[in-house]
N, C-alpha and C. Protein backbone atom coordinates (compact mmCIF):
# COMPACT_ATOMS: atom_id res chain seq x y z
N MET A 1 119.63 89.12 117.67
CA MET A 1 120.89 89.38 117.57
C MET A 1 121.15 90.54 116.95
N GLY A 2 122.28 91.32 117.41
CA GLY A 2 122.65 92.68 117.04
C GLY A 2 123.97 92.44 116.31
N ALA A 3 124.17 93.22 115.24
CA ALA A 3 125.07 93.35 114.64
C ALA A 3 126.58 93.95 115.64
N ALA A 4 127.61 93.47 115.46
CA ALA A 4 128.78 94.06 116.21
C ALA A 4 128.92 95.22 116.21
N ASN A 5 128.80 96.11 115.03
CA ASN A 5 128.98 97.23 114.83
C ASN A 5 128.13 97.68 113.85
N LEU A 6 127.95 99.07 113.45
CA LEU A 6 127.25 99.69 112.41
C LEU A 6 127.78 99.30 111.06
N GLN A 7 129.27 99.48 110.94
CA GLN A 7 129.57 99.08 109.70
C GLN A 7 129.14 97.61 109.00
N THR A 8 128.87 96.62 110.08
CA THR A 8 128.49 95.25 109.66
C THR A 8 127.11 95.51 109.29
N LEU A 9 126.32 96.30 110.02
CA LEU A 9 124.80 96.35 109.93
C LEU A 9 124.62 96.78 108.63
N TYR A 10 125.35 97.83 108.09
CA TYR A 10 125.03 98.36 106.71
C TYR A 10 125.65 97.79 105.50
N GLN A 11 126.16 96.72 105.66
CA GLN A 11 126.52 96.13 104.31
C GLN A 11 125.47 95.24 103.77
N PHE A 12 124.60 95.77 103.28
CA PHE A 12 123.41 95.07 102.73
C PHE A 12 123.69 94.22 101.33
N GLU A 13 124.60 94.71 100.62
CA GLU A 13 124.70 93.85 99.72
C GLU A 13 125.43 92.64 99.82
N LYS A 14 126.50 92.80 100.67
CA LYS A 14 127.19 91.55 101.07
C LYS A 14 126.29 90.59 101.88
N ALA A 15 125.41 91.05 102.61
CA ALA A 15 124.41 89.96 103.44
C ALA A 15 123.51 89.24 102.38
N PHE A 16 122.92 90.11 101.59
CA PHE A 16 121.83 89.46 100.64
C PHE A 16 122.43 88.78 99.40
N GLU A 17 123.66 89.10 99.25
CA GLU A 17 124.40 88.19 97.78
C GLU A 17 124.51 86.87 98.66
N ASP A 18 125.20 86.99 100.00
CA ASP A 18 125.68 85.58 100.56
C ASP A 18 124.57 84.85 100.76
N ALA A 19 123.66 85.32 101.13
CA ALA A 19 122.42 84.47 101.32
C ALA A 19 121.71 84.02 100.08
N ALA A 20 121.94 84.48 99.22
CA ALA A 20 121.56 84.30 97.70
C ALA A 20 122.20 82.97 97.26
N VAL A 21 123.53 83.21 97.21
CA VAL A 21 124.49 82.21 96.95
C VAL A 21 124.08 80.84 97.57
N THR A 22 123.84 80.77 98.73
CA THR A 22 123.58 79.70 99.43
C THR A 22 121.99 78.93 98.93
N PHE A 23 121.12 79.48 98.75
CA PHE A 23 119.83 79.14 98.07
C PHE A 23 119.76 78.86 96.73
N LEU A 24 120.36 79.78 95.95
CA LEU A 24 120.50 79.62 94.36
C LEU A 24 121.33 78.34 94.14
N GLU A 25 122.46 78.42 94.75
CA GLU A 25 123.42 77.01 94.29
C GLU A 25 122.38 75.95 94.42
N SER A 26 121.84 75.75 95.70
CA SER A 26 120.93 74.54 96.02
C SER A 26 119.85 74.51 95.13
N GLU A 27 119.20 75.54 94.77
CA GLU A 27 117.79 75.35 94.12
C GLU A 27 117.95 75.30 92.86
N VAL A 28 118.84 75.77 92.11
CA VAL A 28 119.12 75.84 90.66
C VAL A 28 120.15 74.85 90.18
N GLY A 29 121.28 74.46 91.32
CA GLY A 29 122.06 73.46 90.89
C GLY A 29 123.41 73.72 89.87
N ILE A 30 123.63 75.02 89.99
CA ILE A 30 124.61 75.36 89.15
C ILE A 30 125.70 76.38 90.16
N ASP A 31 126.68 76.68 89.89
CA ASP A 31 127.89 77.74 90.36
C ASP A 31 126.88 79.08 90.73
N VAL A 32 126.90 79.81 91.68
CA VAL A 32 126.56 80.99 91.65
C VAL A 32 127.68 82.06 92.08
N PHE A 33 127.84 83.38 91.40
CA PHE A 33 129.05 84.23 91.60
C PHE A 33 128.58 85.46 92.12
N PRO A 34 128.69 85.84 93.20
CA PRO A 34 128.20 87.17 93.76
C PRO A 34 129.05 88.47 93.11
N SER A 35 128.67 89.76 92.98
CA SER A 35 129.32 90.67 92.40
C SER A 35 130.32 90.63 93.20
N ALA A 36 131.49 91.32 92.24
CA ALA A 36 132.83 91.66 92.73
C ALA A 36 133.55 90.27 92.90
N SER A 37 133.35 89.10 92.52
CA SER A 37 134.04 87.97 92.68
C SER A 37 134.85 87.73 91.39
N LEU A 38 136.04 87.37 92.02
CA LEU A 38 137.35 87.36 91.20
C LEU A 38 137.31 85.85 90.73
N ASP A 39 136.33 84.78 90.61
CA ASP A 39 136.23 83.65 90.13
C ASP A 39 136.72 83.48 88.76
N ASP A 40 137.11 82.42 88.18
CA ASP A 40 137.14 82.25 86.83
C ASP A 40 135.97 82.09 86.14
N LEU A 41 135.72 82.47 84.88
CA LEU A 41 134.56 82.42 83.97
C LEU A 41 134.28 80.73 83.90
N VAL A 42 133.20 80.29 84.65
CA VAL A 42 132.66 78.86 84.36
C VAL A 42 131.32 78.96 83.81
N THR A 43 130.88 77.91 83.02
CA THR A 43 129.42 77.84 82.69
C THR A 43 129.03 76.42 83.01
N PRO A 44 127.86 76.15 83.32
CA PRO A 44 126.64 77.30 83.43
C PRO A 44 126.88 78.14 84.86
N ARG A 45 126.37 79.10 84.87
CA ARG A 45 126.58 79.93 85.94
C ARG A 45 125.36 81.14 86.15
N LEU A 46 125.43 81.49 87.61
CA LEU A 46 124.45 82.53 87.66
C LEU A 46 125.42 83.71 88.26
N ASP A 47 125.15 84.96 87.59
CA ASP A 47 125.91 86.03 88.46
C ASP A 47 124.88 86.64 89.18
N ILE A 48 125.38 87.06 90.28
CA ILE A 48 124.05 87.96 91.21
C ILE A 48 124.60 89.32 91.40
N GLU A 49 123.60 90.07 91.79
CA GLU A 49 124.15 91.60 92.21
C GLU A 49 123.25 92.24 92.92
N PHE A 50 123.25 92.74 94.06
CA PHE A 50 122.12 93.33 94.98
C PHE A 50 122.81 94.51 95.08
N THR A 51 121.94 95.71 94.67
CA THR A 51 122.15 97.10 94.77
C THR A 51 121.00 97.77 95.60
N THR A 52 121.49 98.55 96.28
CA THR A 52 120.50 99.34 97.15
C THR A 52 120.09 100.60 96.63
N GLY A 53 118.87 100.94 96.69
CA GLY A 53 118.34 102.32 96.58
C GLY A 53 117.86 103.20 97.64
N GLU A 54 116.81 103.67 97.65
CA GLU A 54 116.32 104.62 98.41
C GLU A 54 116.23 104.27 99.77
N ALA A 55 116.58 105.01 100.75
CA ALA A 55 116.41 104.59 102.25
C ALA A 55 115.05 105.34 102.84
N ILE A 56 114.23 104.89 103.50
CA ILE A 56 112.96 105.59 103.77
C ILE A 56 112.87 105.58 105.21
N LEU A 57 112.83 106.86 105.82
CA LEU A 57 112.53 106.98 107.30
C LEU A 57 110.86 107.10 107.52
N PRO A 58 110.33 106.55 108.32
CA PRO A 58 108.86 106.56 108.63
C PRO A 58 108.58 108.11 108.87
N ILE A 59 107.31 108.56 108.51
CA ILE A 59 107.05 109.94 108.77
C ILE A 59 106.91 110.10 110.41
N ASP A 60 106.53 109.25 110.84
CA ASP A 60 106.12 109.46 112.37
C ASP A 60 107.65 109.27 113.09
N ASP A 61 108.51 108.89 112.89
CA ASP A 61 109.67 108.78 113.57
C ASP A 61 110.59 109.88 113.57
N PRO A 62 110.96 110.17 114.70
CA PRO A 62 111.84 111.41 114.87
C PRO A 62 113.33 111.05 114.27
N ILE A 63 114.09 112.23 114.11
CA ILE A 63 115.46 112.03 113.51
C ILE A 63 116.35 112.11 114.98
N ILE A 64 116.79 110.93 115.20
CA ILE A 64 117.58 110.85 116.42
C ILE A 64 118.83 110.03 116.09
N SER A 65 119.92 110.46 116.83
CA SER A 65 121.06 109.75 116.35
C SER A 65 121.58 108.69 117.76
N SER A 66 122.56 108.27 117.86
CA SER A 66 123.04 107.39 118.94
C SER A 66 122.95 108.27 120.12
N PRO A 67 122.85 107.77 121.40
CA PRO A 67 123.02 106.26 121.56
C PRO A 67 121.87 105.59 121.34
N ALA A 68 120.63 106.28 120.91
CA ALA A 68 119.69 105.28 120.76
C ALA A 68 119.72 104.80 119.42
N LEU A 69 120.45 103.99 119.10
CA LEU A 69 120.85 103.69 117.66
C LEU A 69 119.75 103.27 116.56
N SER A 70 118.58 102.51 117.09
CA SER A 70 117.66 101.99 116.26
C SER A 70 116.62 103.08 116.23
N LEU A 71 116.37 104.20 116.82
CA LEU A 71 115.44 105.06 116.85
C LEU A 71 115.97 106.51 115.82
N GLY A 72 114.83 106.36 114.73
CA GLY A 72 115.37 107.33 113.76
C GLY A 72 116.28 106.84 112.86
N GLU A 73 116.78 105.79 112.73
CA GLU A 73 117.68 105.25 111.76
C GLU A 73 116.83 105.04 110.39
N TYR A 74 117.39 105.22 109.18
CA TYR A 74 116.81 104.75 107.91
C TYR A 74 116.69 103.09 107.88
N ARG A 75 115.34 102.85 108.27
CA ARG A 75 115.51 101.28 108.49
C ARG A 75 114.50 100.53 107.35
N LYS A 76 114.11 101.33 106.54
CA LYS A 76 113.46 100.68 105.58
C LYS A 76 114.34 101.04 103.95
N HIS A 77 114.34 99.94 103.22
CA HIS A 77 114.97 100.35 101.88
C HIS A 77 114.44 99.60 100.76
N ASP A 78 114.87 100.36 99.72
CA ASP A 78 114.72 99.79 98.43
C ASP A 78 115.78 98.85 97.70
N ALA A 79 115.90 98.03 96.93
CA ALA A 79 117.00 97.61 96.46
C ALA A 79 116.61 96.75 95.03
N ASP A 80 117.35 96.66 94.23
CA ASP A 80 117.47 95.85 93.12
C ASP A 80 118.36 94.90 93.07
N PHE A 81 117.79 93.82 92.69
CA PHE A 81 118.53 92.34 92.42
C PHE A 81 118.65 91.74 91.38
N SER A 82 119.66 91.57 90.65
CA SER A 82 119.74 90.96 89.27
C SER A 82 120.40 89.53 89.27
N VAL A 83 119.72 88.58 88.60
CA VAL A 83 120.34 87.22 88.40
C VAL A 83 120.57 87.10 87.02
N ARG A 84 121.83 87.15 86.66
CA ARG A 84 122.17 86.56 84.95
C ARG A 84 122.62 85.15 85.03
N VAL A 85 121.79 84.42 83.84
CA VAL A 85 121.94 82.95 83.68
C VAL A 85 122.94 83.17 82.62
N VAL A 86 123.94 82.27 82.50
CA VAL A 86 124.84 82.47 81.50
C VAL A 86 125.41 80.84 81.30
N THR A 87 125.18 80.48 79.94
CA THR A 87 125.32 79.17 79.27
C THR A 87 126.33 79.45 78.10
N ASP A 88 126.82 78.07 77.74
CA ASP A 88 127.76 78.12 76.42
C ASP A 88 127.42 76.82 75.81
N PRO A 89 126.52 77.19 74.61
CA PRO A 89 126.15 76.08 73.87
C PRO A 89 127.54 75.42 73.12
N THR A 90 128.37 76.14 73.06
CA THR A 90 129.59 75.39 72.57
C THR A 90 130.19 74.19 73.53
N ALA A 91 129.69 74.28 74.63
CA ALA A 91 130.03 73.63 75.65
C ALA A 91 128.97 72.50 76.05
N GLY A 92 128.12 72.29 75.05
CA GLY A 92 127.12 71.22 75.17
C GLY A 92 126.02 71.72 76.05
N GLN A 93 125.85 73.01 76.46
CA GLN A 93 124.48 73.56 77.29
C GLN A 93 123.48 74.00 76.30
N THR A 94 122.61 73.15 76.28
CA THR A 94 121.60 73.66 75.20
C THR A 94 120.57 74.54 75.74
N ARG A 95 119.89 75.16 74.70
CA ARG A 95 118.69 76.15 74.96
C ARG A 95 117.72 75.65 76.16
N ALA A 96 117.56 74.47 76.05
CA ALA A 96 116.75 73.73 77.17
C ALA A 96 117.14 73.93 78.43
N ASP A 97 118.69 73.67 78.55
CA ASP A 97 119.43 73.61 79.70
C ASP A 97 119.35 75.06 80.06
N HIS A 98 119.41 76.03 79.34
CA HIS A 98 119.63 77.39 79.79
C HIS A 98 117.99 77.95 80.25
N PHE A 99 117.23 77.37 79.73
CA PHE A 99 115.67 77.84 80.27
C PHE A 99 115.43 77.03 81.32
N SER A 100 115.70 75.92 81.42
CA SER A 100 115.55 75.27 82.79
C SER A 100 116.22 75.92 84.07
N TYR A 101 117.39 76.52 83.77
CA TYR A 101 118.19 77.34 84.91
C TYR A 101 117.27 78.75 85.44
N VAL A 102 116.87 79.31 84.14
CA VAL A 102 116.04 80.63 84.43
C VAL A 102 114.78 80.25 85.13
N GLY A 103 114.11 79.09 84.78
CA GLY A 103 112.82 78.62 85.26
C GLY A 103 112.98 78.25 87.16
N LYS A 104 114.12 77.85 87.07
CA LYS A 104 114.59 77.23 88.69
C LYS A 104 115.11 78.61 89.32
N ALA A 105 115.79 79.37 88.85
CA ALA A 105 116.13 80.70 89.59
C ALA A 105 114.63 81.43 90.02
N ARG A 106 113.63 81.54 89.05
CA ARG A 106 112.43 82.20 89.25
C ARG A 106 111.84 81.59 90.09
N VAL A 107 111.72 80.26 90.45
CA VAL A 107 111.09 79.71 91.59
C VAL A 107 111.78 79.84 92.72
N ALA A 108 112.94 79.85 92.86
CA ALA A 108 113.63 80.02 94.19
C ALA A 108 113.51 81.61 94.36
N LEU A 109 113.53 82.60 93.53
CA LEU A 109 113.17 83.89 94.22
C LEU A 109 111.67 84.19 94.39
N LEU A 110 110.97 83.65 93.26
CA LEU A 110 109.46 84.00 93.76
C LEU A 110 108.83 83.35 95.36
N ARG A 111 109.69 82.19 95.48
CA ARG A 111 109.12 81.48 96.80
C ARG A 111 110.36 81.77 97.78
N SER A 112 110.70 83.08 97.79
CA SER A 112 111.91 83.38 98.71
C SER A 112 111.35 83.52 100.21
N SER A 113 110.41 83.57 100.43
CA SER A 113 110.29 84.07 101.93
C SER A 113 110.73 82.65 102.90
N ASP A 114 110.88 81.75 102.24
CA ASP A 114 111.30 80.54 102.97
C ASP A 114 112.93 80.45 102.73
N ASN A 115 113.48 81.28 101.91
CA ASN A 115 115.25 81.30 101.58
C ASN A 115 115.71 82.57 102.33
N TRP A 116 115.06 83.64 102.07
CA TRP A 116 115.56 84.93 103.01
C TRP A 116 114.83 84.98 103.97
N ASP A 117 115.37 84.40 105.27
CA ASP A 117 114.55 84.12 106.33
C ASP A 117 115.21 84.96 107.41
N ALA A 118 114.82 84.94 108.73
CA ALA A 118 115.45 85.90 110.07
C ALA A 118 116.89 85.52 110.35
N SER A 119 117.27 84.27 109.77
CA SER A 119 118.96 83.94 110.08
C SER A 119 119.69 84.20 108.60
N SER A 120 119.09 84.53 107.48
CA SER A 120 119.93 84.40 106.39
C SER A 120 118.99 85.35 105.38
N PRO A 121 119.23 86.76 104.98
CA PRO A 121 120.37 87.29 105.68
C PRO A 121 120.26 87.78 106.97
N PRO A 122 121.47 87.90 108.05
CA PRO A 122 120.87 88.23 109.20
C PRO A 122 120.88 89.73 109.21
N PHE A 123 120.13 90.11 110.40
CA PHE A 123 119.76 91.70 110.62
C PHE A 123 118.70 92.30 109.73
N TYR A 124 117.88 91.52 108.69
CA TYR A 124 117.08 92.13 107.87
C TYR A 124 115.85 91.19 107.66
N ASP A 125 114.61 91.89 107.35
CA ASP A 125 113.58 91.34 107.12
C ASP A 125 113.27 91.58 105.45
N LEU A 126 113.03 90.48 104.72
CA LEU A 126 112.43 91.04 103.21
C LEU A 126 111.14 91.07 103.44
N LYS A 127 110.61 92.27 102.71
CA LYS A 127 109.29 92.70 102.75
C LYS A 127 108.64 92.42 101.67
N PHE A 128 109.22 92.50 100.61
CA PHE A 128 108.45 92.55 99.36
C PHE A 128 109.64 92.14 98.17
N ILE A 129 109.40 91.09 97.15
CA ILE A 129 110.05 90.89 96.02
C ILE A 129 109.26 90.65 94.95
N ARG A 130 109.55 91.33 93.70
CA ARG A 130 108.83 90.98 92.55
C ARG A 130 109.68 91.29 91.35
N GLN A 131 109.37 90.30 90.15
CA GLN A 131 110.24 90.41 89.18
C GLN A 131 109.93 91.66 88.31
N THR A 132 110.78 92.63 87.92
CA THR A 132 110.78 93.93 86.89
C THR A 132 110.78 93.47 85.54
N GLY A 133 111.71 92.47 85.26
CA GLY A 133 111.98 92.78 83.60
C GLY A 133 112.93 91.37 83.60
N THR A 134 113.13 91.15 82.15
CA THR A 134 114.22 90.26 81.85
C THR A 134 114.60 90.69 80.53
N ALA A 135 115.89 90.41 80.36
CA ALA A 135 116.80 91.00 79.30
C ALA A 135 117.55 89.66 78.70
N ARG A 136 117.43 89.50 77.17
CA ARG A 136 118.39 88.28 76.60
C ARG A 136 119.35 88.77 75.74
N SER A 137 120.39 88.13 75.70
CA SER A 137 121.38 88.73 74.97
C SER A 137 122.57 87.60 74.58
N THR A 138 123.41 88.01 73.77
CA THR A 138 124.37 86.90 73.70
C THR A 138 125.72 87.73 73.59
N ASP A 139 126.81 87.01 73.99
CA ASP A 139 128.13 87.74 74.20
C ASP A 139 129.15 86.62 73.82
N LEU A 140 129.66 86.69 72.46
CA LEU A 140 130.59 85.68 71.92
C LEU A 140 129.58 84.43 71.79
N ASP A 141 130.13 83.28 72.30
CA ASP A 141 129.32 81.89 72.46
C ASP A 141 128.23 81.89 73.74
N PHE A 142 128.42 82.72 74.49
CA PHE A 142 127.38 82.89 75.62
C PHE A 142 126.11 83.20 75.48
N GLN A 143 124.96 82.44 76.23
CA GLN A 143 123.56 82.88 76.03
C GLN A 143 123.43 83.54 77.35
N ILE A 144 122.90 84.55 77.51
CA ILE A 144 122.60 85.36 78.81
C ILE A 144 121.29 85.65 79.04
N THR A 145 120.78 85.21 80.12
CA THR A 145 119.33 85.78 80.45
C THR A 145 119.41 86.51 82.01
N THR A 146 119.15 87.83 81.74
CA THR A 146 119.20 88.81 83.02
C THR A 146 117.76 88.94 83.57
N ILE A 147 117.60 88.51 84.71
CA ILE A 147 116.39 88.76 85.30
C ILE A 147 116.47 90.00 86.55
N SER A 148 115.49 90.83 86.37
CA SER A 148 115.74 92.00 87.49
C SER A 148 114.69 91.84 88.37
N TRP A 149 114.70 91.98 89.70
CA TRP A 149 113.80 92.22 90.86
C TRP A 149 113.87 93.52 91.82
N GLU A 150 112.53 93.62 92.17
CA GLU A 150 112.54 94.91 92.94
C GLU A 150 112.49 94.33 94.46
N ILE A 151 113.22 94.70 95.32
CA ILE A 151 113.15 94.26 96.77
C ILE A 151 112.89 95.47 97.66
N LYS A 152 112.17 95.31 98.57
CA LYS A 152 111.92 96.16 100.00
C LYS A 152 112.46 95.52 101.05
N PHE A 153 113.12 95.77 101.83
CA PHE A 153 113.79 95.10 103.23
C PHE A 153 113.78 96.28 104.11
N SER A 154 113.92 95.84 105.57
CA SER A 154 114.20 96.60 106.68
C SER A 154 114.92 96.06 107.37
N ILE A 155 115.58 96.88 108.48
CA ILE A 155 116.67 96.34 109.37
C ILE A 155 115.59 96.12 110.71
N ARG A 156 115.96 94.87 111.00
CA ARG A 156 115.16 94.38 112.19
C ARG A 156 115.38 95.20 113.25
N ASP A 157 114.53 95.27 114.36
CA ASP A 157 114.77 96.17 115.78
C ASP A 157 115.81 95.63 116.53
N ASP A 158 116.01 94.20 116.38
CA ASP A 158 117.14 93.94 117.38
C ASP A 158 118.26 93.66 116.64
N ALA A 159 118.60 94.26 115.56
CA ALA A 159 119.60 93.98 114.62
C ALA A 159 120.96 95.21 114.97
N PHE A 160 120.12 96.38 115.62
CA PHE A 160 121.24 97.37 115.99
C PHE A 160 122.31 97.06 117.03
N PRO A 161 123.44 97.47 116.89
CA PRO A 161 124.59 97.05 117.83
C PRO A 161 123.92 97.83 119.42
N THR A 162 124.50 97.41 120.26
CA THR A 162 124.10 98.21 121.62
C THR A 162 125.16 99.15 122.05
N THR A 163 126.22 99.46 121.22
CA THR A 163 127.33 100.55 121.48
C THR A 163 127.72 100.96 120.08
N THR A 164 128.36 102.24 119.95
CA THR A 164 128.74 102.87 118.68
C THR A 164 129.94 102.57 118.47
N THR A 165 130.66 101.58 119.05
CA THR A 165 131.98 101.26 118.84
C THR A 165 132.08 100.81 117.19
N ALA A 166 133.19 101.61 116.71
CA ALA A 166 133.66 101.16 115.14
C ALA A 166 134.34 99.94 115.11
N ALA A 167 134.25 99.40 113.93
CA ALA A 167 135.02 98.26 113.34
C ALA A 167 136.42 98.54 113.53
N PRO A 168 137.15 97.64 113.59
CA PRO A 168 138.64 97.70 113.76
C PRO A 168 139.03 97.94 112.25
C-alpha cells in the first residue's frame, strides 16, 4: 500500500510514535504520550519521542528523482527512540511500581518485531533496535527513568506514492 503523497511518507516520527502508543499502552498498562502532546500531566505515564537521524542511500543505487519515486530515494534511516517512565511516589506509586513499568517497556520494545510490523507503522520496516542507555532522575516529586534506543528502519518498496501530487 503506497502513501497518499511524499509528505505523508516522510512523517517518520508520527508514524513510529503512533504505532508505539498502541502497543506500549497495551503491554505496559499505563497511559503513553507521544512527543508534542498537549495532554495534562498524569502519572504513571510513558513519554515517548522518536527522532530521525542519518539517511542512507545504498552505494549501488543511482540518484534519481521523480517520476521513479522509489529509485534513488534515501530509503534507509537511523533513528533514536526514547521512553520516559514517570511515576509519583506522593500519589502512591511505589518504587516497585516504577521499575515494573520500566521492565514492561523494555520487554515490549525488545520483543518489538511483533509490535512494529508491516501494518504498524505503515510504509516502514523496522530492521534493528537495541537499547543504548538508561538515565535516572527526579523532578520535584516525580521519579523518572529514560530508556534510549537505537533504531534502523527502511521505507518499504510499495510505500512510495504512484504520483508526485502534493498534499493539500
